[in-house]
Each structure stands twice: as C-alpha cells, then as structure tokens.
Amino acid sequence: MSPSPGAVQLSAVAFDHPAAVALRADHMAAGDRLYASDPAALHRSGSEDLDPRSVVTTVVAHRADRPVGHACLRRLDDVVSPGMAGELEIKRMYVVPDERGRGVADLLLDAMHAAARDAGAARVVIHTGDRQVPALRFYARHGYVPIEVFEPYRAVTYSLCFEKLLDRPGPPADVRSDVTRG
C-alpha cells in the first residue's frame, strides 16, 4: 500500500544527501536571521561545525516528494564536549516554515529518539537558543528538561541545553504484574 499523497515520509539518508544539505543550509540561515541583531551570536567556532563522522543518523522528512524537515543525531566526544563522550545530541532539527505545526517535528523527534535507543543511549541532549521560543515550547512539551550548557556552546551567550531521558521498553506484562503485587 502506498502512502497517501499528503502523508509525511521519513527517510534515513547520507549526511551529504542533497536534501539534507539544503535543509541544513536553510536552518543555519534562519538562525542567522533570528540572531542578526547580536553580532557575537553569529560567530561560529570550529567546534560547532558538525563533523559528518560523528553523525549516527540523518533523517529527512518529505511530503509529496518535497523535503520539509531534517534532523540528525551525533555522538559527542571528549574533543567537542569534554566529559560527555558517547552522549548523543540531536542536531539541526528543522522544519520548513509552511510545514510547522503539522506534526513533522514530532515525527522527526520520534525518529531521533528511536535511533538513540537503538544506539543504546539512556538519554539525548539538545542545544537551542533563547530566541527560539517555539522550539523551547516544543522540547518542553516532549519532556525535555534544562541542563547545564555543555561544550561547545558555553561561549555562545544565547545557549540553552536540554536533556530527555529515554523510556526503556518495560518487562512483559506478566512480569510487571508480579513486580507490582508487593
């Protein structure tokens, strides 16, 4: 059965897939516009660059063959984020403006959580900026809680970081009932 014409389709793609590259460029341009009044915020250190070798997965959302969203998951190391080696960070979460509020971001976030679980992570972290109010609301709605700003973002004055503990599949129902009988 083929998907309905208006359905969103997610695809795992190579980091350098043309749709992924274009959506990341759109994401960065949107950030530059949002923080344009703060010249210091536009400075990007080399450590903020996304090394393709650290990327665990890249997902692009399409609606009717049009790329409408992007997210990737990277594994942090002690060079980029001292003390956080092995942690997984969601990066470049982006939905094109005319698709926002239509569930695309929910699907992308679910895909990132599934990929993180598959990679054995107990939590995921994310960085965003203080002017990205819709993103802040979105992450809070999905159970993200604030954490200390981690490298490479500490020098970026607008930085906010969050974590989400990933649910683990519970034991089978018959085991759960034994545990709760007390």
Protein backbone atom coordinates (compact mmCIF):
# COMPACT_ATOMS: atom_id res chain seq x y z
CA MET A 1 0.00 0.00 0.00
CA SER A 2 1.46 3.36 -0.96
CA PRO A 3 1.34 6.35 1.39
CA SER A 4 -1.40 8.93 0.96
CA PRO A 5 -0.33 11.94 -1.13
CA GLY A 6 -0.34 14.28 1.87
CA ALA A 7 1.46 11.91 4.22
CA VAL A 8 4.89 12.73 5.58
CA GLN A 9 7.55 10.17 4.78
CA LEU A 10 10.79 9.91 6.76
CA SER A 11 13.96 8.63 5.13
CA ALA A 12 17.33 7.90 6.63
CA VAL A 13 19.79 9.48 4.21
CA ALA A 14 23.50 10.05 3.90
CA PHE A 15 24.73 13.17 5.69
CA ASP A 16 25.72 14.66 2.32
CA HIS A 17 22.39 13.87 0.62
CA PRO A 18 21.34 16.98 -1.36
CA ALA A 19 18.04 17.40 0.52
CA ALA A 20 19.81 17.14 3.89
CA VAL A 21 22.46 19.66 2.85
CA ALA A 22 19.83 22.12 1.58
CA LEU A 23 17.68 21.83 4.73
CA ARG A 24 20.72 22.33 6.99
CA ALA A 25 21.62 25.45 4.99
CA ASP A 26 18.05 26.75 5.43
CA HIS A 27 18.26 26.01 9.17
CA MET A 28 21.53 27.92 9.54
CA ALA A 29 20.21 30.87 7.50
CA ALA A 30 17.10 31.04 9.70
CA GLY A 31 19.30 31.10 12.80
CA ASP A 32 21.45 33.84 11.32
CA ARG A 33 18.33 35.95 10.67
CA LEU A 34 16.97 35.31 14.18
CA TYR A 35 20.20 36.35 15.89
CA ALA A 36 21.29 39.04 13.38
CA SER A 37 20.96 41.82 15.97
CA ASP A 38 23.57 40.06 18.13
CA PRO A 39 26.86 40.01 16.17
CA ALA A 40 28.53 37.83 18.80
CA ALA A 41 25.83 35.20 18.30
CA LEU A 42 26.68 34.93 14.62
CA HIS A 43 30.22 33.83 15.42
CA ARG A 44 30.53 30.11 14.95
CA SER A 45 33.52 28.35 16.40
CA GLY A 46 35.08 25.43 14.58
CA SER A 47 33.89 23.11 17.33
CA GLU A 48 30.26 24.00 16.49
CA ASP A 49 30.72 22.63 12.98
CA LEU A 50 29.03 19.29 12.53
CA ASP A 51 31.60 16.59 11.73
CA PRO A 52 29.91 14.03 9.46
CA ARG A 53 31.98 11.26 11.07
CA SER A 54 30.19 11.88 14.38
CA VAL A 55 26.71 11.56 12.87
CA VAL A 56 24.84 8.39 13.83
CA THR A 57 21.86 9.05 11.55
CA THR A 58 20.41 11.76 9.35
CA VAL A 59 16.68 11.83 8.62
CA VAL A 60 14.81 13.91 6.06
CA ALA A 61 11.03 14.32 6.06
CA HIS A 62 9.23 14.59 2.72
CA ARG A 63 5.67 15.49 1.88
CA ALA A 64 4.67 14.77 -1.71
CA ASP A 65 8.34 14.40 -2.70
CA ARG A 66 9.21 17.82 -1.22
CA PRO A 67 11.84 17.88 1.56
CA VAL A 68 10.15 19.55 4.54
CA GLY A 69 12.23 18.63 7.59
CA HIS A 70 15.60 17.44 8.83
CA ALA A 71 17.26 16.13 11.97
CA CYS A 72 20.43 14.27 12.73
CA LEU A 73 21.92 12.57 15.73
CA ARG A 74 25.59 12.85 16.57
CA ARG A 75 27.79 11.12 19.10
CA LEU A 76 29.74 13.59 21.23
CA ASP A 77 33.38 13.04 22.07
CA ASP A 78 35.84 14.49 24.57
CA VAL A 79 37.30 16.82 21.93
CA VAL A 80 33.99 18.56 21.16
CA SER A 81 32.33 18.13 24.56
CA PRO A 82 34.73 17.21 27.37
CA GLY A 83 33.11 14.90 29.89
CA MET A 84 30.27 13.93 27.54
CA ALA A 85 31.97 11.32 25.36
CA GLY A 86 29.46 8.88 23.97
CA GLU A 87 26.41 11.05 24.66
CA LEU A 88 24.02 11.54 21.74
CA GLU A 89 22.95 15.02 20.66
CA ILE A 90 20.12 15.90 18.30
CA LYS A 91 21.39 18.42 15.75
CA ARG A 92 19.91 20.60 13.03
CA MET A 93 16.29 19.84 13.89
CA TYR A 94 14.46 21.91 11.30
CA VAL A 95 11.06 22.07 9.63
CA VAL A 96 10.37 24.45 6.75
CA PRO A 97 8.12 27.32 7.87
CA ASP A 98 4.98 26.34 5.94
CA GLU A 99 5.04 22.84 7.48
CA ARG A 100 5.36 23.89 11.11
CA GLY A 101 2.52 22.85 13.37
CA ARG A 102 1.60 19.92 11.10
CA GLY A 103 3.34 17.13 13.01
CA VAL A 104 6.58 16.95 11.03
CA ALA A 105 8.76 17.89 14.01
CA ASP A 106 7.02 15.26 16.16
CA LEU A 107 7.86 12.58 13.59
CA LEU A 108 11.47 13.72 13.32
CA LEU A 109 11.90 13.81 17.09
CA ASP A 110 10.38 10.33 17.44
CA ALA A 111 12.85 9.09 14.80
CA MET A 112 15.77 10.64 16.70
CA HIS A 113 14.63 9.05 19.96
CA ALA A 114 14.29 5.65 18.26
CA ALA A 115 17.76 5.94 16.73
CA ALA A 116 19.22 6.94 20.09
CA ARG A 117 17.58 3.95 21.80
CA ASP A 118 18.87 1.68 19.03
CA ALA A 119 22.36 3.08 19.69
CA GLY A 120 22.00 2.19 23.38
CA ALA A 121 21.53 5.72 24.73
CA ALA A 122 19.74 6.32 28.02
CA ARG A 123 19.23 9.99 27.18
CA VAL A 124 19.62 12.54 24.41
CA VAL A 125 20.71 16.15 24.68
CA ILE A 126 19.93 19.16 22.54
CA HIS A 127 21.13 22.75 22.20
CA THR A 128 18.99 25.65 21.10
CA GLY A 129 18.91 29.41 21.53
CA ASP A 130 16.94 31.64 23.85
CA ARG A 131 15.15 33.36 20.94
CA GLN A 132 13.77 30.11 19.55
CA VAL A 133 10.62 30.23 21.67
CA PRO A 134 8.57 27.78 19.58
CA ALA A 135 11.42 25.26 19.81
CA LEU A 136 11.67 25.76 23.57
CA ARG A 137 7.94 25.06 23.93
CA PHE A 138 8.18 22.05 21.62
CA TYR A 139 11.01 20.43 23.58
CA ALA A 140 9.30 21.11 26.93
CA ARG A 141 6.12 19.53 25.60
CA HIS A 142 8.16 16.45 24.70
CA GLY A 143 9.66 16.06 28.17
CA TYR A 144 12.99 17.84 27.74
CA VAL A 145 14.36 19.49 30.87
CA PRO A 146 17.09 22.15 31.17
CA ILE A 147 20.66 21.07 31.87
CA GLU A 148 23.91 22.96 32.24
CA VAL A 149 25.16 24.36 28.95
CA PHE A 150 27.84 22.00 27.67
CA GLU A 151 30.72 22.47 25.24
CA PRO A 152 30.98 23.60 22.54
CA TYR A 153 28.19 26.02 23.46
CA ARG A 154 29.39 27.62 26.71
CA ALA A 155 30.85 30.68 24.98
CA VAL A 156 27.65 31.27 22.99
CA THR A 157 25.68 33.69 25.16
CA TYR A 158 22.22 32.68 23.95
CA SER A 159 22.76 28.93 24.50
CA LEU A 160 20.26 26.72 26.28
CA CYS A 161 20.72 22.96 26.61
CA PHE A 162 18.22 20.25 27.48
CA GLU A 163 18.05 16.53 28.03
CA LYS A 164 15.44 13.86 27.75
CA LEU A 165 15.71 10.53 29.49
CA LEU A 166 14.64 7.88 27.03
CA ASP A 167 11.95 5.46 28.04
CA ARG A 168 13.07 1.89 28.00
CA PRO A 169 10.72 -0.86 26.99
CA GLY A 170 9.34 -2.34 30.19
CA PRO A 171 9.26 -6.00 31.13
CA PRO A 172 6.46 -8.14 29.67
CA ALA A 173 3.02 -7.59 31.25
CA ASP A 174 3.15 -10.83 33.26
CA VAL A 175 6.47 -9.78 34.84
CA ARG A 176 5.13 -6.29 35.61
CA SER A 177 2.13 -7.73 37.43
CA ASP A 178 4.44 -9.84 39.60
CA VAL A 179 6.55 -6.81 40.47
CA THR A 180 3.58 -4.63 41.42
CA ARG A 181 1.83 -7.17 43.66
CA GLY A 182 4.10 -6.27 46.52
